Amino acid sequence: MPLAVFDLDGTLVSSAEDLISTLNYVLKTEGLEEVEVAPFRPWVGFGAKKLMEKGFAANELETTAEQLDALLPKFLDHYEQHMTVETRLFDGARQALDDLIAHDWTLAVCTNKSTRLTGPLLEKLEIEHLFAAVVAGDTYAKAKPHAEPLLGAIQTAGGTIETSVMVGDTSTDINAARAADVPVIAVDFGYSPAPIQDLKPDHIISHFDELFGAIKTLLPEQ
């Protein structure tokens, strides 16, 4: 059974605007200046604490781990209530998922987003029913780039390493796939701070209408 495992933010879902809007909410409540979306897009895939750290740095302030821990509930509470104001699936993503299912592929999600946020986001986007497994950042003891969550998603969905492929947008996804010995496709429209070609995924796509062809290139017998 062939299986495609997808990252969420920056891969299937364009979520930068809502996440950075939440960052700006936190900054504003702390008496700091808000930030523009574009310079912060590359940090969206690295979690709320990294976003807040960068937001404070833009205000020429350093943060401690304790400060970030204390601010995290404020960030998560606000984001949970506003996670789909502007968030949407990337162009062609839903059609690509439907096409894979029509060709007897099974789908899974493997994200570092928390369980608290992942399930509601999938439901709000009306795609939760498409996935045989959903692994979040806190499902296992370790998150990506460790292999454990990706391997867990494959096992839960009933797939095998030999017939699975990972689709992501950053080094976190690529390194997780490498650790799990799974081929990896990277999108070039996501949130990677580094040029995606420099990370050497097995294949790069610029639109979801290229996905099925890329997958068949990597797993021609599936």
N, C-alpha and C. Protein backbone atom coordinates (compact mmCIF):
# COMPACT_ATOMS: atom_id res chain seq x y z
N MET A 1 0.83 -1.20 0.00
CA MET A 1 0.00 0.00 0.00
C MET A 1 0.87 1.25 0.00
N PRO A 2 0.85 2.05 -1.07
CA PRO A 2 1.67 3.27 -1.10
C PRO A 2 1.11 4.34 -0.17
N LEU A 3 2.00 5.07 0.46
CA LEU A 3 1.62 6.06 1.47
C LEU A 3 2.38 7.36 1.25
N ALA A 4 1.66 8.48 1.25
CA ALA A 4 2.27 9.81 1.19
C ALA A 4 2.06 10.50 2.53
N VAL A 5 3.15 10.92 3.16
CA VAL A 5 3.11 11.57 4.47
C VAL A 5 3.44 13.05 4.28
N PHE A 6 2.55 13.92 4.75
CA PHE A 6 2.69 15.35 4.52
C PHE A 6 2.98 16.12 5.80
N ASP A 7 3.92 17.04 5.70
CA ASP A 7 4.04 18.10 6.69
C ASP A 7 2.84 19.02 6.52
N LEU A 8 2.62 19.90 7.50
CA LEU A 8 1.43 20.75 7.47
C LEU A 8 1.79 22.20 7.11
N ASP A 9 2.30 22.97 8.06
CA ASP A 9 2.60 24.38 7.82
C ASP A 9 3.71 24.55 6.79
N GLY A 10 3.42 25.30 5.75
CA GLY A 10 4.41 25.54 4.72
C GLY A 10 4.46 24.47 3.65
N THR A 11 3.72 23.38 3.86
CA THR A 11 3.67 22.30 2.87
C THR A 11 2.26 22.18 2.31
N LEU A 12 1.34 21.70 3.12
CA LEU A 12 -0.06 21.67 2.70
C LEU A 12 -0.75 23.00 2.94
N VAL A 13 -0.34 23.68 4.00
CA VAL A 13 -1.11 24.81 4.51
C VAL A 13 -0.30 26.10 4.53
N SER A 14 -0.87 27.15 3.97
CA SER A 14 -0.30 28.50 4.04
C SER A 14 -0.83 29.16 5.31
N SER A 15 -0.01 29.17 6.34
CA SER A 15 -0.46 29.61 7.67
C SER A 15 0.34 30.76 8.23
N ALA A 16 1.28 31.30 7.46
CA ALA A 16 2.19 32.31 7.98
C ALA A 16 1.46 33.54 8.49
N GLU A 17 0.44 33.99 7.75
CA GLU A 17 -0.25 35.22 8.13
C GLU A 17 -0.89 35.11 9.51
N ASP A 18 -1.56 34.01 9.78
CA ASP A 18 -2.23 33.87 11.07
C ASP A 18 -1.23 33.65 12.21
N LEU A 19 -0.16 32.93 11.94
CA LEU A 19 0.85 32.72 12.98
C LEU A 19 1.58 34.02 13.30
N ILE A 20 1.92 34.80 12.28
CA ILE A 20 2.62 36.06 12.53
C ILE A 20 1.67 37.10 13.11
N SER A 21 0.40 37.03 12.77
CA SER A 21 -0.59 37.89 13.42
C SER A 21 -0.65 37.60 14.91
N THR A 22 -0.56 36.33 15.27
CA THR A 22 -0.54 35.96 16.69
C THR A 22 0.75 36.45 17.34
N LEU A 23 1.88 36.32 16.64
CA LEU A 23 3.13 36.88 17.16
C LEU A 23 2.96 38.37 17.44
N ASN A 24 2.35 39.09 16.52
CA ASN A 24 2.17 40.53 16.70
C ASN A 24 1.25 40.83 17.87
N TYR A 25 0.27 40.00 18.10
CA TYR A 25 -0.59 40.15 19.27
C TYR A 25 0.24 40.05 20.55
N VAL A 26 1.12 39.06 20.61
CA VAL A 26 1.98 38.89 21.79
C VAL A 26 2.91 40.09 21.95
N LEU A 27 3.54 40.50 20.86
CA LEU A 27 4.45 41.64 20.92
C LEU A 27 3.73 42.89 21.39
N LYS A 28 2.53 43.12 20.86
CA LYS A 28 1.77 44.31 21.23
C LYS A 28 1.42 44.30 22.71
N THR A 29 1.02 43.14 23.23
CA THR A 29 0.68 43.05 24.66
C THR A 29 1.90 43.24 25.55
N GLU A 30 3.07 43.04 24.98
CA GLU A 30 4.31 43.26 25.72
C GLU A 30 4.87 44.66 25.49
N GLY A 31 4.11 45.51 24.82
CA GLY A 31 4.54 46.88 24.58
C GLY A 31 5.59 47.03 23.51
N LEU A 32 5.66 46.07 22.59
CA LEU A 32 6.70 46.07 21.56
C LEU A 32 6.10 46.36 20.19
N GLU A 33 6.99 46.65 19.23
CA GLU A 33 6.57 46.94 17.87
C GLU A 33 6.22 45.65 17.13
N GLU A 34 5.18 45.72 16.30
CA GLU A 34 4.81 44.58 15.48
C GLU A 34 5.80 44.40 14.33
N VAL A 35 5.75 43.22 13.70
CA VAL A 35 6.68 42.90 12.61
C VAL A 35 5.90 42.66 11.32
N GLU A 36 6.60 42.75 10.21
CA GLU A 36 6.01 42.47 8.91
C GLU A 36 6.01 40.96 8.66
N VAL A 37 5.10 40.51 7.83
CA VAL A 37 4.97 39.06 7.57
C VAL A 37 6.17 38.51 6.81
N ALA A 38 6.57 39.17 5.73
CA ALA A 38 7.55 38.60 4.81
C ALA A 38 8.86 38.18 5.47
N PRO A 39 9.49 39.01 6.31
CA PRO A 39 10.76 38.59 6.90
C PRO A 39 10.63 37.45 7.90
N PHE A 40 9.41 37.20 8.37
CA PHE A 40 9.22 36.18 9.39
C PHE A 40 8.69 34.86 8.84
N ARG A 41 8.33 34.85 7.57
CA ARG A 41 7.86 33.59 6.97
C ARG A 41 8.84 32.43 7.15
N PRO A 42 10.16 32.65 7.00
CA PRO A 42 11.07 31.52 7.13
C PRO A 42 11.12 30.88 8.52
N TRP A 43 10.55 31.55 9.52
CA TRP A 43 10.61 31.01 10.88
C TRP A 43 9.31 30.37 11.33
N VAL A 44 8.31 30.42 10.47
CA VAL A 44 7.00 29.88 10.85
C VAL A 44 7.07 28.38 11.15
N GLY A 45 7.89 27.66 10.39
CA GLY A 45 7.96 26.22 10.56
C GLY A 45 8.75 25.76 11.76
N PHE A 46 9.27 26.68 12.55
CA PHE A 46 10.13 26.30 13.66
C PHE A 46 9.49 26.53 15.02
N GLY A 47 8.19 26.77 15.03
CA GLY A 47 7.47 26.81 16.30
C GLY A 47 7.27 28.19 16.87
N ALA A 48 6.34 28.25 17.83
CA ALA A 48 5.95 29.52 18.45
C ALA A 48 7.11 30.19 19.19
N LYS A 49 7.88 29.40 19.91
CA LYS A 49 8.96 29.99 20.70
C LYS A 49 10.01 30.64 19.80
N LYS A 50 10.33 30.00 18.69
CA LYS A 50 11.30 30.59 17.76
C LYS A 50 10.74 31.87 17.16
N LEU A 51 9.46 31.87 16.82
CA LEU A 51 8.84 33.09 16.29
C LEU A 51 8.92 34.22 17.31
N MET A 52 8.58 33.92 18.56
CA MET A 52 8.63 34.96 19.59
C MET A 52 10.06 35.43 19.83
N GLU A 53 10.99 34.51 19.83
CA GLU A 53 12.40 34.89 20.00
C GLU A 53 12.82 35.87 18.91
N LYS A 54 12.44 35.56 17.66
CA LYS A 54 12.79 36.43 16.54
C LYS A 54 12.04 37.77 16.62
N GLY A 55 10.80 37.73 17.10
CA GLY A 55 10.03 38.96 17.25
C GLY A 55 10.62 39.90 18.28
N PHE A 56 11.09 39.33 19.37
CA PHE A 56 11.75 40.14 20.40
C PHE A 56 13.07 40.67 19.87
N ALA A 57 13.79 39.82 19.11
CA ALA A 57 15.07 40.25 18.55
C ALA A 57 14.88 41.42 17.58
N ALA A 58 13.76 41.40 16.84
CA ALA A 58 13.46 42.52 15.94
C ALA A 58 13.23 43.81 16.70
N ASN A 59 12.88 43.67 17.97
CA ASN A 59 12.73 44.82 18.85
C ASN A 59 14.00 45.06 19.68
N GLU A 60 15.08 44.42 19.25
CA GLU A 60 16.40 44.56 19.88
C GLU A 60 16.38 44.12 21.34
N LEU A 61 15.64 43.04 21.60
CA LEU A 61 15.57 42.48 22.94
C LEU A 61 15.90 40.99 22.89
N GLU A 62 16.69 40.54 23.83
CA GLU A 62 16.96 39.10 23.95
C GLU A 62 15.91 38.48 24.87
N THR A 63 15.68 37.20 24.68
CA THR A 63 14.72 36.48 25.52
C THR A 63 15.40 35.29 26.16
N THR A 64 14.88 34.90 27.30
CA THR A 64 15.35 33.69 27.97
C THR A 64 14.34 32.57 27.74
N ALA A 65 14.77 31.35 27.99
CA ALA A 65 13.87 30.21 27.86
C ALA A 65 12.68 30.36 28.80
N GLU A 66 12.93 30.91 29.96
CA GLU A 66 11.85 31.09 30.94
C GLU A 66 10.82 32.11 30.43
N GLN A 67 11.28 33.18 29.82
CA GLN A 67 10.36 34.17 29.27
C GLN A 67 9.49 33.56 28.16
N LEU A 68 10.12 32.80 27.29
CA LEU A 68 9.38 32.19 26.19
C LEU A 68 8.37 31.17 26.71
N ASP A 69 8.76 30.41 27.70
CA ASP A 69 7.83 29.44 28.31
C ASP A 69 6.62 30.16 28.91
N ALA A 70 6.87 31.30 29.53
CA ALA A 70 5.79 32.05 30.17
C ALA A 70 4.83 32.66 29.14
N LEU A 71 5.37 33.04 27.99
CA LEU A 71 4.55 33.66 26.96
C LEU A 71 3.83 32.65 26.08
N LEU A 72 4.27 31.40 26.10
CA LEU A 72 3.71 30.41 25.19
C LEU A 72 2.20 30.22 25.34
N PRO A 73 1.64 30.13 26.55
CA PRO A 73 0.18 29.97 26.65
C PRO A 73 -0.58 31.13 26.01
N LYS A 74 -0.07 32.34 26.15
CA LYS A 74 -0.71 33.51 25.52
C LYS A 74 -0.73 33.35 24.00
N PHE A 75 0.40 32.92 23.45
CA PHE A 75 0.51 32.72 22.01
C PHE A 75 -0.47 31.65 21.56
N LEU A 76 -0.45 30.50 22.22
CA LEU A 76 -1.27 29.37 21.79
C LEU A 76 -2.76 29.65 21.93
N ASP A 77 -3.14 30.31 23.02
CA ASP A 77 -4.56 30.62 23.23
C ASP A 77 -5.09 31.53 22.12
N HIS A 78 -4.30 32.54 21.78
CA HIS A 78 -4.73 33.47 20.73
C HIS A 78 -4.77 32.77 19.38
N TYR A 79 -3.71 32.02 19.07
CA TYR A 79 -3.65 31.35 17.78
C TYR A 79 -4.79 30.34 17.63
N GLU A 80 -5.09 29.62 18.68
CA GLU A 80 -6.15 28.62 18.62
C GLU A 80 -7.48 29.24 18.22
N GLN A 81 -7.71 30.48 18.63
CA GLN A 81 -8.97 31.17 18.33
C GLN A 81 -8.95 31.87 16.97
N HIS A 82 -7.77 31.97 16.35
CA HIS A 82 -7.65 32.74 15.11
C HIS A 82 -6.86 31.99 14.05
N MET A 83 -6.85 30.68 14.09
CA MET A 83 -5.93 29.92 13.24
C MET A 83 -6.36 29.83 11.78
N THR A 84 -7.61 30.18 11.48
CA THR A 84 -8.03 30.11 10.07
C THR A 84 -8.63 31.42 9.58
N VAL A 85 -8.14 32.53 10.12
CA VAL A 85 -8.58 33.84 9.59
C VAL A 85 -8.11 33.99 8.15
N GLU A 86 -6.85 33.69 7.91
CA GLU A 86 -6.29 33.77 6.55
C GLU A 86 -5.68 32.45 6.07
N THR A 87 -5.52 31.52 6.96
CA THR A 87 -4.90 30.24 6.61
C THR A 87 -5.74 29.47 5.60
N ARG A 88 -5.05 28.89 4.64
CA ARG A 88 -5.73 28.13 3.58
C ARG A 88 -4.78 27.04 3.09
N LEU A 89 -5.34 26.10 2.35
CA LEU A 89 -4.51 25.13 1.65
C LEU A 89 -3.79 25.83 0.51
N PHE A 90 -2.55 25.42 0.25
CA PHE A 90 -1.84 25.96 -0.92
C PHE A 90 -2.58 25.57 -2.20
N ASP A 91 -2.39 26.36 -3.23
CA ASP A 91 -3.05 26.11 -4.52
C ASP A 91 -2.78 24.68 -4.99
N GLY A 92 -3.84 23.99 -5.33
CA GLY A 92 -3.70 22.64 -5.87
C GLY A 92 -3.56 21.55 -4.84
N ALA A 93 -3.44 21.90 -3.56
CA ALA A 93 -3.19 20.88 -2.55
C ALA A 93 -4.36 19.91 -2.41
N ARG A 94 -5.58 20.44 -2.32
CA ARG A 94 -6.72 19.55 -2.15
C ARG A 94 -6.89 18.62 -3.35
N GLN A 95 -6.71 19.16 -4.54
CA GLN A 95 -6.83 18.32 -5.74
C GLN A 95 -5.76 17.23 -5.74
N ALA A 96 -4.54 17.58 -5.31
CA ALA A 96 -3.45 16.60 -5.27
C ALA A 96 -3.77 15.48 -4.28
N LEU A 97 -4.32 15.83 -3.13
CA LEU A 97 -4.70 14.81 -2.15
C LEU A 97 -5.79 13.91 -2.72
N ASP A 98 -6.79 14.50 -3.34
CA ASP A 98 -7.88 13.72 -3.93
C ASP A 98 -7.37 12.81 -5.05
N ASP A 99 -6.42 13.31 -5.84
CA ASP A 99 -5.86 12.50 -6.93
C ASP A 99 -5.10 11.30 -6.39
N LEU A 100 -4.33 11.51 -5.33
CA LEU A 100 -3.59 10.39 -4.74
C LEU A 100 -4.56 9.33 -4.22
N ILE A 101 -5.59 9.75 -3.54
CA ILE A 101 -6.58 8.80 -3.03
C ILE A 101 -7.24 8.06 -4.18
N ALA A 102 -7.55 8.76 -5.27
CA ALA A 102 -8.16 8.13 -6.43
C ALA A 102 -7.25 7.09 -7.07
N HIS A 103 -5.94 7.23 -6.86
CA HIS A 103 -4.97 6.26 -7.38
C HIS A 103 -4.55 5.27 -6.29
N ASP A 104 -5.39 5.13 -5.28
CA ASP A 104 -5.21 4.12 -4.22
C ASP A 104 -4.02 4.37 -3.30
N TRP A 105 -3.65 5.64 -3.16
CA TRP A 105 -2.65 6.00 -2.17
C TRP A 105 -3.34 6.29 -0.84
N THR A 106 -2.65 5.96 0.24
CA THR A 106 -3.08 6.34 1.57
C THR A 106 -2.32 7.58 1.98
N LEU A 107 -2.95 8.44 2.78
CA LEU A 107 -2.35 9.71 3.18
C LEU A 107 -2.19 9.79 4.69
N ALA A 108 -1.15 10.52 5.11
CA ALA A 108 -0.93 10.77 6.54
C ALA A 108 -0.33 12.16 6.71
N VAL A 109 -0.45 12.67 7.92
CA VAL A 109 0.17 13.95 8.30
C VAL A 109 1.22 13.69 9.36
N CYS A 110 2.37 14.34 9.22
CA CYS A 110 3.41 14.30 10.25
C CYS A 110 3.92 15.73 10.42
N THR A 111 3.48 16.38 11.49
CA THR A 111 3.78 17.79 11.72
C THR A 111 4.39 17.98 13.10
N ASN A 112 5.11 19.07 13.28
CA ASN A 112 5.58 19.42 14.62
C ASN A 112 4.61 20.34 15.35
N LYS A 113 3.48 20.65 14.73
CA LYS A 113 2.42 21.39 15.41
C LYS A 113 1.87 20.52 16.53
N SER A 114 1.40 21.12 17.60
CA SER A 114 0.89 20.33 18.72
C SER A 114 -0.43 19.65 18.37
N THR A 115 -0.74 18.58 19.08
CA THR A 115 -2.01 17.90 18.89
C THR A 115 -3.17 18.85 19.13
N ARG A 116 -3.03 19.70 20.11
CA ARG A 116 -4.07 20.68 20.45
C ARG A 116 -4.48 21.53 19.26
N LEU A 117 -3.53 21.83 18.38
CA LEU A 117 -3.80 22.70 17.24
C LEU A 117 -3.99 21.94 15.93
N THR A 118 -3.34 20.80 15.80
CA THR A 118 -3.37 20.07 14.53
C THR A 118 -4.76 19.57 14.17
N GLY A 119 -5.41 18.87 15.10
CA GLY A 119 -6.74 18.34 14.82
C GLY A 119 -7.74 19.42 14.45
N PRO A 120 -7.85 20.48 15.27
CA PRO A 120 -8.79 21.54 14.92
C PRO A 120 -8.49 22.21 13.58
N LEU A 121 -7.20 22.38 13.24
CA LEU A 121 -6.87 23.00 11.96
C LEU A 121 -7.33 22.13 10.80
N LEU A 122 -7.06 20.83 10.88
CA LEU A 122 -7.49 19.93 9.81
C LEU A 122 -9.02 19.93 9.68
N GLU A 123 -9.69 20.00 10.81
CA GLU A 123 -11.16 20.02 10.78
C GLU A 123 -11.68 21.31 10.15
N LYS A 124 -11.08 22.43 10.53
CA LYS A 124 -11.52 23.72 9.99
C LYS A 124 -11.29 23.80 8.48
N LEU A 125 -10.24 23.14 8.00
CA LEU A 125 -9.94 23.12 6.58
C LEU A 125 -10.70 22.01 5.86
N GLU A 126 -11.44 21.21 6.61
CA GLU A 126 -12.29 20.14 6.08
C GLU A 126 -11.50 19.09 5.32
N ILE A 127 -10.35 18.70 5.87
CA ILE A 127 -9.54 17.66 5.24
C ILE A 127 -9.17 16.54 6.22
N GLU A 128 -9.67 16.60 7.45
CA GLU A 128 -9.25 15.62 8.46
C GLU A 128 -9.58 14.19 8.04
N HIS A 129 -10.66 14.01 7.29
CA HIS A 129 -11.11 12.67 6.91
C HIS A 129 -10.24 12.04 5.82
N LEU A 130 -9.34 12.80 5.23
CA LEU A 130 -8.51 12.27 4.16
C LEU A 130 -7.32 11.47 4.67
N PHE A 131 -7.00 11.58 5.95
CA PHE A 131 -5.75 11.03 6.47
C PHE A 131 -5.97 9.81 7.36
N ALA A 132 -5.22 8.76 7.05
CA ALA A 132 -5.29 7.53 7.83
C ALA A 132 -4.54 7.65 9.15
N ALA A 133 -3.62 8.60 9.24
CA ALA A 133 -2.86 8.83 10.46
C ALA A 133 -2.50 10.31 10.55
N VAL A 134 -2.55 10.84 11.75
CA VAL A 134 -2.13 12.22 12.01
C VAL A 134 -1.19 12.19 13.21
N VAL A 135 0.07 12.49 12.96
CA VAL A 135 1.08 12.53 14.01
C VAL A 135 1.48 13.98 14.23
N ALA A 136 1.36 14.45 15.46
CA ALA A 136 1.69 15.82 15.82
C ALA A 136 3.05 15.87 16.52
N GLY A 137 3.46 17.08 16.85
CA GLY A 137 4.77 17.26 17.45
C GLY A 137 4.91 16.66 18.83
N ASP A 138 3.79 16.43 19.50
CA ASP A 138 3.82 15.86 20.84
C ASP A 138 3.24 14.46 20.90
N THR A 139 3.05 13.82 19.75
CA THR A 139 2.52 12.46 19.73
C THR A 139 3.54 11.48 20.30
N TYR A 140 4.80 11.69 19.97
CA TYR A 140 5.88 10.85 20.45
C TYR A 140 6.84 11.67 21.30
N ALA A 141 7.78 10.99 21.93
CA ALA A 141 8.72 11.67 22.81
C ALA A 141 9.59 12.65 22.03
N LYS A 142 9.85 12.33 20.78
CA LYS A 142 10.69 13.20 19.95
C LYS A 142 9.90 13.66 18.73
N ALA A 143 10.21 14.86 18.27
CA ALA A 143 9.57 15.42 17.08
C ALA A 143 10.55 15.38 15.91
N LYS A 144 10.06 15.68 14.71
CA LYS A 144 10.98 15.85 13.58
C LYS A 144 12.03 16.90 13.93
N PRO A 145 13.27 16.73 13.53
CA PRO A 145 13.80 15.84 12.49
C PRO A 145 14.13 14.42 12.94
N HIS A 146 13.77 14.04 14.16
CA HIS A 146 13.95 12.64 14.55
C HIS A 146 13.06 11.76 13.68
N ALA A 147 13.47 10.54 13.46
CA ALA A 147 12.73 9.62 12.60
C ALA A 147 11.45 9.11 13.25
N GLU A 148 11.39 9.12 14.58
CA GLU A 148 10.30 8.44 15.29
C GLU A 148 8.91 8.87 14.85
N PRO A 149 8.59 10.17 14.75
CA PRO A 149 7.23 10.53 14.35
C PRO A 149 6.89 10.12 12.93
N LEU A 150 7.83 10.21 12.01
CA LEU A 150 7.57 9.79 10.63
C LEU A 150 7.35 8.29 10.57
N LEU A 151 8.19 7.54 11.24
CA LEU A 151 8.01 6.09 11.28
C LEU A 151 6.69 5.72 11.96
N GLY A 152 6.32 6.49 12.98
CA GLY A 152 5.05 6.26 13.65
C GLY A 152 3.86 6.52 12.74
N ALA A 153 3.95 7.58 11.94
CA ALA A 153 2.88 7.89 10.99
C ALA A 153 2.74 6.77 9.97
N ILE A 154 3.87 6.27 9.48
CA ILE A 154 3.84 5.18 8.50
C ILE A 154 3.20 3.94 9.11
N GLN A 155 3.62 3.59 10.31
CA GLN A 155 3.08 2.39 10.97
C GLN A 155 1.58 2.54 11.25
N THR A 156 1.19 3.69 11.78
CA THR A 156 -0.21 3.91 12.13
C THR A 156 -1.11 3.87 10.89
N ALA A 157 -0.61 4.38 9.78
CA ALA A 157 -1.39 4.39 8.55
C ALA A 157 -1.38 3.05 7.82
N GLY A 158 -0.57 2.12 8.32
CA GLY A 158 -0.52 0.80 7.70
C GLY A 158 0.42 0.70 6.52
N GLY A 159 1.36 1.64 6.42
CA GLY A 159 2.29 1.63 5.31
C GLY A 159 3.61 0.95 5.65
N THR A 160 4.53 1.00 4.71
CA THR A 160 5.87 0.47 4.91
C THR A 160 6.88 1.53 4.46
N ILE A 161 8.09 1.43 4.96
CA ILE A 161 9.15 2.37 4.56
C ILE A 161 9.38 2.29 3.06
N GLU A 162 9.35 1.08 2.52
CA GLU A 162 9.67 0.88 1.11
C GLU A 162 8.64 1.49 0.17
N THR A 163 7.41 1.69 0.66
CA THR A 163 6.35 2.20 -0.23
C THR A 163 5.81 3.54 0.26
N SER A 164 6.64 4.29 1.00
CA SER A 164 6.21 5.59 1.52
C SER A 164 7.09 6.70 1.00
N VAL A 165 6.52 7.92 0.99
CA VAL A 165 7.26 9.12 0.61
C VAL A 165 6.84 10.25 1.54
N MET A 166 7.80 11.11 1.88
CA MET A 166 7.54 12.27 2.71
C MET A 166 7.48 13.51 1.83
N VAL A 167 6.55 14.41 2.16
CA VAL A 167 6.45 15.69 1.44
C VAL A 167 6.54 16.80 2.48
N GLY A 168 7.54 17.69 2.34
CA GLY A 168 7.74 18.74 3.33
C GLY A 168 8.33 19.99 2.71
N ASP A 169 8.75 20.92 3.59
CA ASP A 169 9.23 22.21 3.07
C ASP A 169 10.51 22.71 3.71
N THR A 170 11.01 22.05 4.75
CA THR A 170 12.21 22.55 5.43
C THR A 170 13.19 21.41 5.72
N SER A 171 14.34 21.78 6.25
CA SER A 171 15.34 20.78 6.65
C SER A 171 14.78 19.83 7.70
N THR A 172 13.84 20.30 8.50
CA THR A 172 13.22 19.44 9.52
C THR A 172 12.59 18.22 8.86
N ASP A 173 11.86 18.43 7.78
CA ASP A 173 11.20 17.33 7.08
C ASP A 173 12.21 16.48 6.32
N ILE A 174 13.13 17.13 5.65
CA ILE A 174 14.12 16.39 4.86
C ILE A 174 14.98 15.52 5.77
N ASN A 175 15.42 16.05 6.90
CA ASN A 175 16.25 15.28 7.81
C ASN A 175 15.48 14.15 8.48
N ALA A 176 14.20 14.37 8.75
CA ALA A 176 13.37 13.29 9.30
C ALA A 176 13.24 12.15 8.30
N ALA A 177 13.03 12.50 7.03
CA ALA A 177 12.92 11.49 6.00
C ALA A 177 14.23 10.72 5.83
N ARG A 178 15.33 11.45 5.86
CA ARG A 178 16.63 10.79 5.75
C ARG A 178 16.84 9.82 6.93
N ALA A 179 16.47 10.27 8.13
CA ALA A 179 16.66 9.43 9.31
C ALA A 179 15.79 8.18 9.25
N ALA A 180 14.64 8.30 8.60
CA ALA A 180 13.72 7.17 8.48
C ALA A 180 13.96 6.34 7.22
N ASP A 181 14.90 6.77 6.39
CA ASP A 181 15.23 6.10 5.13
C ASP A 181 14.04 6.09 4.18
N VAL A 182 13.37 7.25 4.09
CA VAL A 182 12.21 7.43 3.23
C VAL A 182 12.53 8.52 2.21
N PRO A 183 12.20 8.35 0.95
CA PRO A 183 12.43 9.42 -0.03
C PRO A 183 11.60 10.64 0.31
N VAL A 184 12.11 11.82 -0.09
CA VAL A 184 11.45 13.06 0.32
C VAL A 184 11.33 14.04 -0.84
N ILE A 185 10.13 14.59 -0.98
CA ILE A 185 9.85 15.65 -1.94
C ILE A 185 9.70 16.95 -1.16
N ALA A 186 10.33 18.00 -1.64
CA ALA A 186 10.22 19.31 -0.97
C ALA A 186 9.51 20.29 -1.88
N VAL A 187 8.63 21.10 -1.29
CA VAL A 187 8.00 22.20 -2.02
C VAL A 187 8.91 23.42 -1.90
N ASP A 188 8.93 24.25 -2.95
CA ASP A 188 9.81 25.43 -2.90
C ASP A 188 9.04 26.70 -2.55
N PHE A 189 7.76 26.54 -2.16
CA PHE A 189 6.95 27.70 -1.79
C PHE A 189 6.67 27.74 -0.29
N GLY A 190 7.41 26.93 0.48
CA GLY A 190 7.17 26.86 1.91
C GLY A 190 7.99 27.84 2.72
N TYR A 191 8.37 27.41 3.92
CA TYR A 191 8.94 28.34 4.90
C TYR A 191 10.40 28.04 5.25
N SER A 192 11.13 27.46 4.32
CA SER A 192 12.53 27.14 4.59
C SER A 192 13.39 28.40 4.62
N PRO A 193 14.18 28.61 5.69
CA PRO A 193 15.12 29.74 5.70
C PRO A 193 16.22 29.60 4.67
N ALA A 194 16.59 28.35 4.36
CA ALA A 194 17.64 28.09 3.38
C ALA A 194 17.02 27.76 2.03
N PRO A 195 17.71 28.07 0.93
CA PRO A 195 17.21 27.67 -0.38
C PRO A 195 16.98 26.15 -0.40
N ILE A 196 15.80 25.75 -0.83
CA ILE A 196 15.44 24.34 -0.70
C ILE A 196 16.36 23.43 -1.50
N GLN A 197 16.89 23.93 -2.62
CA GLN A 197 17.78 23.09 -3.42
C GLN A 197 19.08 22.79 -2.67
N ASP A 198 19.47 23.68 -1.76
CA ASP A 198 20.69 23.45 -1.00
C ASP A 198 20.53 22.31 0.00
N LEU A 199 19.30 21.97 0.33
CA LEU A 199 19.04 20.91 1.30
C LEU A 199 18.98 19.53 0.65
N LYS A 200 19.01 19.51 -0.66
CA LYS A 200 19.13 18.27 -1.44
C LYS A 200 18.03 17.23 -1.15
N PRO A 201 16.77 17.62 -1.24
CA PRO A 201 15.71 16.61 -1.21
C PRO A 201 15.79 15.76 -2.48
N ASP A 202 15.05 14.68 -2.52
CA ASP A 202 15.08 13.82 -3.71
C ASP A 202 14.39 14.46 -4.90
N HIS A 203 13.43 15.33 -4.64
CA HIS A 203 12.72 16.01 -5.72
C HIS A 203 12.16 17.31 -5.16
N ILE A 204 12.06 18.33 -6.02
CA ILE A 204 11.49 19.62 -5.63
C ILE A 204 10.31 19.92 -6.56
N ILE A 205 9.21 20.38 -5.97
CA ILE A 205 8.07 20.81 -6.78
C ILE A 205 7.74 22.26 -6.47
N SER A 206 7.18 22.94 -7.47
CA SER A 206 6.82 24.35 -7.33
C SER A 206 5.31 24.56 -7.29
N HIS A 207 4.55 23.49 -7.51
CA HIS A 207 3.09 23.54 -7.45
C HIS A 207 2.60 22.12 -7.20
N PHE A 208 1.45 22.00 -6.58
CA PHE A 208 0.95 20.67 -6.26
C PHE A 208 0.52 19.88 -7.49
N ASP A 209 0.35 20.53 -8.63
CA ASP A 209 0.03 19.75 -9.81
C ASP A 209 1.23 18.94 -10.31
N GLU A 210 2.40 19.18 -9.71
CA GLU A 210 3.60 18.40 -10.04
C GLU A 210 3.80 17.22 -9.10
N LEU A 211 2.98 17.11 -8.07
CA LEU A 211 3.26 16.14 -7.01
C LEU A 211 3.17 14.70 -7.48
N PHE A 212 2.09 14.34 -8.17
CA PHE A 212 1.92 12.94 -8.54
C PHE A 212 3.05 12.47 -9.44
N GLY A 213 3.45 13.30 -10.39
CA GLY A 213 4.56 12.94 -11.26
C GLY A 213 5.86 12.76 -10.49
N ALA A 214 6.07 13.63 -9.51
CA ALA A 214 7.29 13.52 -8.69
C ALA A 214 7.29 12.23 -7.88
N ILE A 215 6.14 11.89 -7.32
CA ILE A 215 6.04 10.67 -6.54
C ILE A 215 6.28 9.44 -7.41
N LYS A 216 5.72 9.45 -8.62
CA LYS A 216 5.93 8.30 -9.53
C LYS A 216 7.37 8.18 -9.95
N THR A 217 8.08 9.31 -9.99
CA THR A 217 9.52 9.26 -10.30
C THR A 217 10.29 8.54 -9.21
N LEU A 218 9.90 8.80 -7.96
CA LEU A 218 10.62 8.21 -6.83
C LEU A 218 10.17 6.79 -6.53
N LEU A 219 8.89 6.52 -6.73
CA LEU A 219 8.35 5.19 -6.46
C LEU A 219 7.59 4.70 -7.70
N PRO A 220 8.32 4.38 -8.76
CA PRO A 220 7.67 4.08 -10.05
C PRO A 220 6.77 2.85 -10.02
N GLU A 221 7.00 1.95 -9.09
CA GLU A 221 6.22 0.72 -9.07
C GLU A 221 4.93 0.87 -8.28
N GLN A 222 4.74 2.02 -7.66
CA GLN A 222 3.53 2.20 -6.83
C GLN A 222 2.39 2.85 -7.63
